[in-house]
Structure formats: C-alpha cells, structure tokens
Amino acid sequence: MSDQFDLIALSFGFFNLLRLASYLPQIVAVARDKHGATAISFSCWLIWIGANATTALYSWVRLNDTTLGVISAFNAACCALFLLLAVYKRAMHISAQLPRSRRGEPRTHAHSLR
C-alpha cells in the first residue's frame, strides 16, 4: 500500500508542477493578445478560481493539510491573475473600438487641427 501511495503522491506532485508551469505561457499569451482575449471563457476561469480557492480552504480547515492548501491557493491566484488580465485586455479592446466621444476623450474639431 505504501508503494501505491508513493506513486499517487509522486503523480500528484508531478501534475501540479506541470499545472503551475502551464500558467505562465497562458498569462503571456493573453498579455500579448491584440484582439481583446475574445477566446477566453470568463465563466470557465471563474469556476477554476472557485474550485482552487475552495480546495485551499477545505484542505486548511478540514484536512489540516498546509501543503495542499498552499498549492491550491497558488493555483487560485494564478487563475485570478489570468482572468483579471483577460478582463483588462477585453475592456481595452472594447474601449478602443468606441468612438472618441464615447471614451470620454475630448472631441477635436477640424479647424483646431490646422
């Protein structure tokens, strides 16, 4: 049973390291996106934030497992960072599509540009 537990623990650690490493390319991709991160599902990332945050809380409060809690909290923070960046990119893209007068910028008149 201990060999099986060690394999499970190693697999858990390995895949969590991969998951943690996978956030960086996603964050870079959304940061570089020029089209408002339209391919990003906000609801999906909200669910992942909720799942990771509640796993962190459950592991700390119910299981007294600090390691799992820290890993899950970090996963929630990475998901939140990604989502906030995507929301920002989407808002900036939408704002750029609006006419100047709707963005709160002063209107310029043709005679003032001469």
N, C-alpha and C. Protein backbone atom coordinates (compact mmCIF):
# COMPACT_ATOMS: atom_id res chain seq x y z
N MET A 1 0.82 -1.20 0.00
CA MET A 1 0.00 0.00 0.00
C MET A 1 0.87 1.26 0.00
N SER A 2 2.01 1.26 0.69
CA SER A 2 2.84 2.45 0.74
C SER A 2 3.46 2.74 -0.63
N ASP A 3 3.78 1.67 -1.43
CA ASP A 3 4.30 1.91 -2.78
C ASP A 3 3.25 2.59 -3.65
N GLN A 4 2.01 2.14 -3.49
CA GLN A 4 0.92 2.73 -4.25
C GLN A 4 0.72 4.18 -3.82
N PHE A 5 0.81 4.45 -2.53
CA PHE A 5 0.66 5.81 -2.02
C PHE A 5 1.78 6.70 -2.54
N ASP A 6 2.98 6.18 -2.57
CA ASP A 6 4.11 6.97 -3.09
C ASP A 6 3.91 7.30 -4.57
N LEU A 7 3.40 6.36 -5.34
CA LEU A 7 3.14 6.61 -6.75
C LEU A 7 2.05 7.67 -6.90
N ILE A 8 1.03 7.59 -6.08
CA ILE A 8 -0.04 8.59 -6.12
C ILE A 8 0.51 9.96 -5.72
N ALA A 9 1.30 10.02 -4.68
CA ALA A 9 1.87 11.28 -4.22
C ALA A 9 2.81 11.87 -5.28
N LEU A 10 3.63 11.02 -5.89
CA LEU A 10 4.52 11.49 -6.95
C LEU A 10 3.74 12.01 -8.16
N SER A 11 2.69 11.28 -8.54
CA SER A 11 1.85 11.71 -9.67
C SER A 11 1.18 13.04 -9.35
N PHE A 12 0.67 13.18 -8.14
CA PHE A 12 0.03 14.42 -7.71
C PHE A 12 1.03 15.58 -7.80
N GLY A 13 2.21 15.37 -7.27
CA GLY A 13 3.23 16.42 -7.30
C GLY A 13 3.65 16.77 -8.72
N PHE A 14 3.85 15.75 -9.54
CA PHE A 14 4.28 15.96 -10.92
C PHE A 14 3.25 16.78 -11.70
N PHE A 15 1.99 16.37 -11.63
CA PHE A 15 0.97 17.07 -12.40
C PHE A 15 0.68 18.46 -11.86
N ASN A 16 0.85 18.67 -10.57
CA ASN A 16 0.68 20.02 -10.04
C ASN A 16 1.83 20.92 -10.46
N LEU A 17 3.03 20.39 -10.55
CA LEU A 17 4.14 21.19 -11.08
C LEU A 17 3.89 21.56 -12.54
N LEU A 18 3.39 20.61 -13.32
CA LEU A 18 3.05 20.91 -14.71
C LEU A 18 1.96 21.97 -14.79
N ARG A 19 0.97 21.84 -13.92
CA ARG A 19 -0.13 22.82 -13.92
C ARG A 19 0.40 24.20 -13.57
N LEU A 20 1.24 24.28 -12.56
CA LEU A 20 1.80 25.58 -12.16
C LEU A 20 2.63 26.18 -13.30
N ALA A 21 3.42 25.34 -13.95
CA ALA A 21 4.25 25.81 -15.06
C ALA A 21 3.41 26.22 -16.26
N SER A 22 2.23 25.64 -16.40
CA SER A 22 1.39 25.94 -17.56
C SER A 22 0.72 27.31 -17.47
N TYR A 23 0.66 27.89 -16.29
CA TYR A 23 0.02 29.20 -16.17
C TYR A 23 0.83 30.29 -16.88
N LEU A 24 2.13 30.25 -16.78
CA LEU A 24 2.96 31.31 -17.35
C LEU A 24 2.75 31.50 -18.85
N PRO A 25 2.80 30.44 -19.67
CA PRO A 25 2.56 30.66 -21.10
C PRO A 25 1.16 31.19 -21.39
N GLN A 26 0.19 30.79 -20.59
CA GLN A 26 -1.17 31.30 -20.78
C GLN A 26 -1.26 32.78 -20.45
N ILE A 27 -0.61 33.18 -19.38
CA ILE A 27 -0.60 34.59 -18.98
C ILE A 27 0.12 35.42 -20.05
N VAL A 28 1.24 34.93 -20.55
CA VAL A 28 1.97 35.64 -21.60
C VAL A 28 1.11 35.74 -22.87
N ALA A 29 0.43 34.66 -23.22
CA ALA A 29 -0.40 34.66 -24.43
C ALA A 29 -1.53 35.69 -24.33
N VAL A 30 -2.18 35.75 -23.19
CA VAL A 30 -3.28 36.72 -23.07
C VAL A 30 -2.72 38.14 -22.98
N ALA A 31 -1.55 38.31 -22.41
CA ALA A 31 -0.94 39.64 -22.34
C ALA A 31 -0.57 40.15 -23.73
N ARG A 32 -0.18 39.26 -24.62
CA ARG A 32 0.22 39.64 -25.97
C ARG A 32 -0.97 39.75 -26.94
N ASP A 33 -2.10 39.24 -26.54
CA ASP A 33 -3.28 39.21 -27.41
C ASP A 33 -3.69 40.63 -27.82
N LYS A 34 -3.95 40.81 -29.09
CA LYS A 34 -4.31 42.12 -29.63
C LYS A 34 -5.80 42.22 -29.97
N HIS A 35 -6.56 41.18 -29.65
CA HIS A 35 -7.97 41.14 -30.07
C HIS A 35 -8.93 41.05 -28.89
N GLY A 36 -8.52 41.49 -27.73
CA GLY A 36 -9.41 41.55 -26.59
C GLY A 36 -9.65 40.23 -25.88
N ALA A 37 -8.76 39.30 -26.06
CA ALA A 37 -8.87 37.99 -25.39
C ALA A 37 -10.25 37.38 -25.57
N THR A 38 -10.77 37.47 -26.78
CA THR A 38 -12.14 37.01 -27.04
C THR A 38 -12.29 35.49 -26.96
N ALA A 39 -11.20 34.76 -27.07
CA ALA A 39 -11.28 33.30 -26.99
C ALA A 39 -11.30 32.80 -25.55
N ILE A 40 -11.18 33.70 -24.59
CA ILE A 40 -11.12 33.32 -23.18
C ILE A 40 -12.53 33.26 -22.60
N SER A 41 -12.85 32.15 -21.96
CA SER A 41 -14.14 32.00 -21.29
C SER A 41 -14.01 32.48 -19.85
N PHE A 42 -14.61 33.62 -19.55
CA PHE A 42 -14.54 34.15 -18.19
C PHE A 42 -15.21 33.20 -17.19
N SER A 43 -16.34 32.62 -17.57
CA SER A 43 -17.05 31.73 -16.64
C SER A 43 -16.21 30.49 -16.31
N CYS A 44 -15.49 29.97 -17.27
CA CYS A 44 -14.63 28.81 -17.03
C CYS A 44 -13.53 29.15 -16.03
N TRP A 45 -12.88 30.29 -16.22
CA TRP A 45 -11.81 30.69 -15.30
C TRP A 45 -12.36 31.01 -13.92
N LEU A 46 -13.57 31.56 -13.84
CA LEU A 46 -14.20 31.79 -12.53
C LEU A 46 -14.45 30.48 -11.80
N ILE A 47 -14.88 29.47 -12.54
CA ILE A 47 -15.10 28.15 -11.93
C ILE A 47 -13.78 27.59 -11.41
N TRP A 48 -12.71 27.72 -12.20
CA TRP A 48 -11.40 27.22 -11.75
C TRP A 48 -10.90 27.98 -10.52
N ILE A 49 -11.13 29.29 -10.48
CA ILE A 49 -10.76 30.06 -9.29
C ILE A 49 -11.52 29.54 -8.08
N GLY A 50 -12.83 29.37 -8.25
CA GLY A 50 -13.66 28.87 -7.15
C GLY A 50 -13.25 27.48 -6.70
N ALA A 51 -12.98 26.60 -7.65
CA ALA A 51 -12.59 25.23 -7.30
C ALA A 51 -11.26 25.22 -6.55
N ASN A 52 -10.29 25.98 -7.04
CA ASN A 52 -8.99 26.02 -6.37
C ASN A 52 -9.06 26.70 -5.01
N ALA A 53 -9.82 27.79 -4.93
CA ALA A 53 -9.94 28.51 -3.65
C ALA A 53 -10.64 27.66 -2.59
N THR A 54 -11.71 26.97 -2.99
CA THR A 54 -12.41 26.14 -2.01
C THR A 54 -11.59 24.90 -1.63
N THR A 55 -10.80 24.39 -2.56
CA THR A 55 -9.90 23.29 -2.22
C THR A 55 -8.87 23.77 -1.19
N ALA A 56 -8.36 24.98 -1.38
CA ALA A 56 -7.40 25.54 -0.42
C ALA A 56 -8.05 25.66 0.96
N LEU A 57 -9.22 26.24 0.99
CA LEU A 57 -9.91 26.40 2.28
C LEU A 57 -10.23 25.05 2.93
N TYR A 58 -10.75 24.13 2.15
CA TYR A 58 -11.10 22.81 2.67
C TYR A 58 -9.87 22.09 3.22
N SER A 59 -8.78 22.17 2.48
CA SER A 59 -7.58 21.45 2.93
C SER A 59 -7.01 22.07 4.20
N TRP A 60 -7.08 23.40 4.33
CA TRP A 60 -6.58 24.04 5.55
C TRP A 60 -7.50 23.78 6.74
N VAL A 61 -8.80 24.00 6.53
CA VAL A 61 -9.75 23.95 7.64
C VAL A 61 -10.12 22.52 8.02
N ARG A 62 -10.47 21.69 7.06
CA ARG A 62 -10.96 20.34 7.34
C ARG A 62 -9.87 19.28 7.41
N LEU A 63 -8.87 19.39 6.56
CA LEU A 63 -7.85 18.35 6.48
C LEU A 63 -6.56 18.72 7.22
N ASN A 64 -6.42 19.99 7.57
CA ASN A 64 -5.20 20.48 8.21
C ASN A 64 -3.97 20.16 7.36
N ASP A 65 -4.15 20.30 6.05
CA ASP A 65 -3.09 19.99 5.09
C ASP A 65 -2.59 21.30 4.49
N THR A 66 -1.54 21.82 5.08
CA THR A 66 -1.00 23.11 4.65
C THR A 66 -0.43 23.05 3.24
N THR A 67 0.23 21.97 2.90
CA THR A 67 0.83 21.85 1.57
C THR A 67 -0.22 21.91 0.47
N LEU A 68 -1.25 21.12 0.60
CA LEU A 68 -2.34 21.15 -0.38
C LEU A 68 -3.01 22.51 -0.40
N GLY A 69 -3.15 23.10 0.78
CA GLY A 69 -3.76 24.43 0.85
C GLY A 69 -2.96 25.49 0.12
N VAL A 70 -1.65 25.47 0.30
CA VAL A 70 -0.78 26.45 -0.36
C VAL A 70 -0.78 26.24 -1.87
N ILE A 71 -0.69 24.99 -2.30
CA ILE A 71 -0.71 24.69 -3.74
C ILE A 71 -2.03 25.16 -4.36
N SER A 72 -3.13 24.86 -3.70
CA SER A 72 -4.44 25.24 -4.22
C SER A 72 -4.64 26.75 -4.21
N ALA A 73 -4.15 27.41 -3.17
CA ALA A 73 -4.25 28.87 -3.10
C ALA A 73 -3.42 29.51 -4.22
N PHE A 74 -2.24 28.97 -4.48
CA PHE A 74 -1.41 29.50 -5.56
C PHE A 74 -2.09 29.28 -6.91
N ASN A 75 -2.71 28.11 -7.09
CA ASN A 75 -3.45 27.86 -8.33
C ASN A 75 -4.59 28.86 -8.48
N ALA A 76 -5.31 29.12 -7.41
CA ALA A 76 -6.40 30.10 -7.46
C ALA A 76 -5.87 31.49 -7.81
N ALA A 77 -4.73 31.86 -7.23
CA ALA A 77 -4.13 33.17 -7.51
C ALA A 77 -3.70 33.28 -8.97
N CYS A 78 -3.12 32.23 -9.51
CA CYS A 78 -2.71 32.24 -10.92
C CYS A 78 -3.93 32.37 -11.83
N CYS A 79 -4.98 31.63 -11.52
CA CYS A 79 -6.21 31.73 -12.31
C CYS A 79 -6.80 33.13 -12.22
N ALA A 80 -6.78 33.71 -11.03
CA ALA A 80 -7.31 35.06 -10.84
C ALA A 80 -6.49 36.08 -11.62
N LEU A 81 -5.17 35.94 -11.59
CA LEU A 81 -4.30 36.84 -12.35
C LEU A 81 -4.61 36.74 -13.84
N PHE A 82 -4.74 35.54 -14.33
CA PHE A 82 -5.06 35.32 -15.74
C PHE A 82 -6.40 35.96 -16.09
N LEU A 83 -7.41 35.73 -15.25
CA LEU A 83 -8.74 36.27 -15.52
C LEU A 83 -8.74 37.80 -15.49
N LEU A 84 -8.08 38.38 -14.49
CA LEU A 84 -8.01 39.84 -14.41
C LEU A 84 -7.32 40.45 -15.64
N LEU A 85 -6.27 39.80 -16.07
CA LEU A 85 -5.56 40.27 -17.27
C LEU A 85 -6.46 40.16 -18.50
N ALA A 86 -7.19 39.07 -18.62
CA ALA A 86 -8.10 38.89 -19.75
C ALA A 86 -9.24 39.92 -19.72
N VAL A 87 -9.77 40.20 -18.54
CA VAL A 87 -10.82 41.22 -18.41
C VAL A 87 -10.27 42.58 -18.82
N TYR A 88 -9.08 42.91 -18.37
CA TYR A 88 -8.44 44.17 -18.73
C TYR A 88 -8.25 44.27 -20.25
N LYS A 89 -7.71 43.20 -20.85
CA LYS A 89 -7.48 43.21 -22.29
C LYS A 89 -8.80 43.36 -23.05
N ARG A 90 -9.83 42.69 -22.59
CA ARG A 90 -11.13 42.79 -23.26
C ARG A 90 -11.69 44.20 -23.13
N ALA A 91 -11.58 44.79 -21.95
CA ALA A 91 -12.07 46.15 -21.74
C ALA A 91 -11.31 47.15 -22.61
N MET A 92 -10.00 46.99 -22.70
CA MET A 92 -9.21 47.90 -23.52
C MET A 92 -9.56 47.75 -25.00
N HIS A 93 -9.81 46.54 -25.43
CA HIS A 93 -10.17 46.29 -26.82
C HIS A 93 -11.52 46.92 -27.13
N ILE A 94 -12.48 46.75 -26.24
CA ILE A 94 -13.81 47.34 -26.44
C ILE A 94 -13.71 48.87 -26.43
N SER A 95 -12.94 49.39 -25.50
CA SER A 95 -12.76 50.84 -25.42
C SER A 95 -12.15 51.40 -26.69
N ALA A 96 -11.20 50.70 -27.25
CA ALA A 96 -10.54 51.16 -28.48
C ALA A 96 -11.49 51.15 -29.67
N GLN A 97 -12.54 50.33 -29.60
CA GLN A 97 -13.50 50.24 -30.70
C GLN A 97 -14.55 51.35 -30.65
N LEU A 98 -14.70 52.00 -29.49
CA LEU A 98 -15.71 53.04 -29.33
C LEU A 98 -15.24 54.33 -30.00
N PRO A 99 -16.19 55.13 -30.47
CA PRO A 99 -15.80 56.45 -30.99
C PRO A 99 -15.19 57.29 -29.87
N ARG A 100 -14.34 58.22 -30.23
CA ARG A 100 -13.65 59.05 -29.23
C ARG A 100 -14.61 59.69 -28.25
N SER A 101 -15.74 60.19 -28.72
CA SER A 101 -16.67 60.90 -27.84
C SER A 101 -17.25 59.98 -26.78
N ARG A 102 -17.34 58.70 -27.02
CA ARG A 102 -17.89 57.76 -26.05
C ARG A 102 -16.85 57.26 -25.07
N ARG A 103 -15.56 57.51 -25.36
CA ARG A 103 -14.47 57.07 -24.47
C ARG A 103 -14.14 58.13 -23.43
N GLY A 104 -14.81 59.26 -23.47
CA GLY A 104 -14.51 60.31 -22.52
C GLY A 104 -13.38 61.21 -22.95
N GLU A 105 -12.91 61.04 -24.19
CA GLU A 105 -11.84 61.88 -24.70
C GLU A 105 -12.47 63.11 -25.33
N PRO A 106 -11.80 64.24 -25.26
CA PRO A 106 -12.36 65.45 -25.86
C PRO A 106 -12.44 65.31 -27.38
N ARG A 107 -13.48 65.90 -27.92
CA ARG A 107 -13.63 65.90 -29.37
C ARG A 107 -12.69 66.94 -29.96
N THR A 108 -12.14 66.61 -31.09
CA THR A 108 -11.32 67.59 -31.79
C THR A 108 -12.09 68.09 -32.99
N HIS A 109 -11.92 69.33 -33.30
CA HIS A 109 -12.59 69.92 -34.45
C HIS A 109 -11.56 70.12 -35.55
N ALA A 110 -12.03 70.06 -36.76
CA ALA A 110 -11.13 70.16 -37.91
C ALA A 110 -10.35 71.48 -37.90
N HIS A 111 -11.00 72.56 -37.50
CA HIS A 111 -10.28 73.85 -37.53
C HIS A 111 -9.23 73.94 -36.43
N SER A 112 -9.36 73.17 -35.36
CA SER A 112 -8.34 73.23 -34.30
C SER A 112 -7.11 72.41 -34.65
N LEU A 113 -7.19 71.59 -35.68
CA LEU A 113 -6.05 70.78 -36.08
C LEU A 113 -5.15 71.49 -37.08
N ARG A 114 -5.57 72.62 -37.60
CA ARG A 114 -4.79 73.36 -38.61
C ARG A 114 -3.69 74.15 -38.01
